[in-house]
Amino acid sequence: MENSDLRLLISTGERGLAEEVKSYLEEFEIYTMMVSDNPASSYIGVYFGFNPTESIDIQINKDDYQKAIEILHKSPYEELVENG
């Protein structure tokens, strides 16, 4: 899949939340890619005991975008998506 086939679904500063959303969507066979602006942050947290700031984008195939929005609107993650 090329980057042009991907579309941003949500952005969050919480890795745990991003992983929950990823797992939730995969239950509906919507596969995601998590992209961090600070990929070393999880290692820093493990080795040094603190978590630096991080922004995580969840990207999906553009053909799955509308389905993902509909799924999230009917989920505990509804507040993460804009109306529409």
C-alpha atoms as a PDB file:
ATOM      1  CA  MET A   1       0.000   0.000   0.000  1.00  0.00           C
ATOM      2  CA  GLU A   2       1.362   3.399  -0.936  1.00  0.00           C
ATOM      3  CA  ASN A   3       1.099   6.467   1.284  1.00  0.00           C
ATOM      4  CA  SER A   4      -1.374   7.959  -1.193  1.00  0.00           C
ATOM      5  CA  ASP A   5      -3.737   5.085  -0.305  1.00  0.00           C
ATOM      6  CA  LEU A   6      -3.732   6.136   3.356  1.00  0.00           C
ATOM      7  CA  ARG A   7      -5.932   8.661   5.087  1.00  0.00           C
ATOM      8  CA  LEU A   8      -5.605  10.162   8.545  1.00  0.00           C
ATOM      9  CA  LEU A   9      -8.357   8.907  10.828  1.00  0.00           C
ATOM     10  CA  ILE A  10      -7.412  10.403  14.204  1.00  0.00           C
ATOM     11  CA  SER A  11      -4.495  11.934  16.082  1.00  0.00           C
ATOM     12  CA  THR A  12      -3.887  11.507  19.784  1.00  0.00           C
ATOM     13  CA  GLY A  13      -1.170  12.120  22.329  1.00  0.00           C
ATOM     14  CA  GLU A  14      -1.958   8.885  24.174  1.00  0.00           C
ATOM     15  CA  ARG A  15      -0.235   5.722  22.921  1.00  0.00           C
ATOM     16  CA  GLY A  16      -2.499   3.448  24.973  1.00  0.00           C
ATOM     17  CA  LEU A  17      -5.616   5.015  23.493  1.00  0.00           C
ATOM     18  CA  ALA A  18      -4.195   4.730  19.963  1.00  0.00           C
ATOM     19  CA  GLU A  19      -3.503   1.029  20.528  1.00  0.00           C
ATOM     20  CA  GLU A  20      -7.051   0.502  21.852  1.00  0.00           C
ATOM     21  CA  VAL A  21      -8.570   2.159  18.771  1.00  0.00           C
ATOM     22  CA  LYS A  22      -6.269   0.129  16.511  1.00  0.00           C
ATOM     23  CA  SER A  23      -7.360  -3.136  18.147  1.00  0.00           C
ATOM     24  CA  TYR A  24     -11.020  -2.121  18.091  1.00  0.00           C
ATOM     25  CA  LEU A  25     -10.986  -1.337  14.375  1.00  0.00           C
ATOM     26  CA  GLU A  26      -9.128  -4.537  13.564  1.00  0.00           C
ATOM     27  CA  GLU A  27     -12.058  -6.466  15.096  1.00  0.00           C
ATOM     28  CA  PHE A  28     -14.032  -5.071  12.139  1.00  0.00           C
ATOM     29  CA  GLU A  29     -11.238  -5.960   9.678  1.00  0.00           C
ATOM     30  CA  ILE A  30     -10.106  -2.363   9.306  1.00  0.00           C
ATOM     31  CA  TYR A  31      -6.350  -2.396   9.520  1.00  0.00           C
ATOM     32  CA  THR A  32      -4.501   0.651  10.730  1.00  0.00           C
ATOM     33  CA  MET A  33      -1.040   2.110  10.749  1.00  0.00           C
ATOM     34  CA  MET A  34       0.161   4.086  13.761  1.00  0.00           C
ATOM     35  CA  VAL A  35       2.645   6.845  12.962  1.00  0.00           C
ATOM     36  CA  SER A  36       4.455   8.588  15.810  1.00  0.00           C
ATOM     37  CA  ASP A  37       6.251  11.902  15.686  1.00  0.00           C
ATOM     38  CA  ASN A  38       8.555  10.532  18.418  1.00  0.00           C
ATOM     39  CA  PRO A  39       9.004   6.790  17.805  1.00  0.00           C
ATOM     40  CA  ALA A  40      11.644   6.440  20.545  1.00  0.00           C
ATOM     41  CA  SER A  41       9.240   7.595  23.258  1.00  0.00           C
ATOM     42  CA  SER A  42       8.090   4.092  24.205  1.00  0.00           C
ATOM     43  CA  TYR A  43      11.695   2.972  24.692  1.00  0.00           C
ATOM     44  CA  ILE A  44      12.493   6.067  26.730  1.00  0.00           C
ATOM     45  CA  GLY A  45       9.522   5.292  28.959  1.00  0.00           C
ATOM     46  CA  VAL A  46      10.671   1.717  29.538  1.00  0.00           C
ATOM     47  CA  TYR A  47      14.324   2.494  30.209  1.00  0.00           C
ATOM     48  CA  PHE A  48      14.139   5.886  31.916  1.00  0.00           C
ATOM     49  CA  GLY A  49      10.731   5.760  33.598  1.00  0.00           C
ATOM     50  CA  PHE A  50       9.083   8.778  32.026  1.00  0.00           C
ATOM     51  CA  ASN A  51       7.080   9.294  28.871  1.00  0.00           C
ATOM     52  CA  PRO A  52       8.049  12.198  26.638  1.00  0.00           C
ATOM     53  CA  THR A  53       5.350  13.909  24.622  1.00  0.00           C
ATOM     54  CA  GLU A  54       4.267  12.107  21.511  1.00  0.00           C
ATOM     55  CA  SER A  55       1.642  12.609  18.850  1.00  0.00           C
ATOM     56  CA  ILE A  56       0.307   9.489  17.172  1.00  0.00           C
ATOM     57  CA  ASP A  57      -1.622   9.493  13.907  1.00  0.00           C
ATOM     58  CA  ILE A  58      -3.823   6.537  13.098  1.00  0.00           C
ATOM     59  CA  GLN A  59      -3.983   6.097   9.356  1.00  0.00           C
ATOM     60  CA  ILE A  60      -6.160   3.702   7.407  1.00  0.00           C
ATOM     61  CA  ASN A  61      -6.776   2.749   3.811  1.00  0.00           C
ATOM     62  CA  LYS A  62      -8.800   5.571   2.257  1.00  0.00           C
ATOM     63  CA  ASP A  63     -11.388   3.040   1.030  1.00  0.00           C
ATOM     64  CA  ASP A  64     -12.109   2.067   4.667  1.00  0.00           C
ATOM     65  CA  TYR A  65     -12.409   5.629   5.956  1.00  0.00           C
ATOM     66  CA  GLN A  66     -16.203   6.021   5.929  1.00  0.00           C
ATOM     67  CA  LYS A  67     -16.746   2.581   7.457  1.00  0.00           C
ATOM     68  CA  ALA A  68     -14.229   3.376  10.216  1.00  0.00           C
ATOM     69  CA  ILE A  69     -15.958   6.677  11.000  1.00  0.00           C
ATOM     70  CA  GLU A  70     -19.319   4.909  11.266  1.00  0.00           C
ATOM     71  CA  ILE A  71     -17.838   2.240  13.558  1.00  0.00           C
ATOM     72  CA  LEU A  72     -16.195   4.802  15.824  1.00  0.00           C
ATOM     73  CA  HIS A  73     -19.387   6.871  16.052  1.00  0.00           C
ATOM     74  CA  LYS A  74     -21.094   3.805  17.570  1.00  0.00           C
ATOM     75  CA  SER A  75     -18.258   3.064  19.985  1.00  0.00           C
ATOM     76  CA  PRO A  76     -16.701   4.312  23.218  1.00  0.00           C
ATOM     77  CA  TYR A  77     -14.274   6.254  20.976  1.00  0.00           C
ATOM     78  CA  GLU A  78     -16.935   8.484  19.427  1.00  0.00           C
ATOM     79  CA  GLU A  79     -15.421  11.669  20.880  1.00  0.00           C
ATOM     80  CA  LEU A  80     -12.231  11.097  18.873  1.00  0.00           C
ATOM     81  CA  VAL A  81     -13.871  11.646  15.494  1.00  0.00           C
ATOM     82  CA  GLU A  82     -15.365  14.804  14.120  1.00  0.00           C
ATOM     83  CA  ASN A  83     -19.037  14.890  13.248  1.00  0.00           C
ATOM     84  CA  GLY A  84     -19.606  13.657   9.752  1.00  0.00           C
END
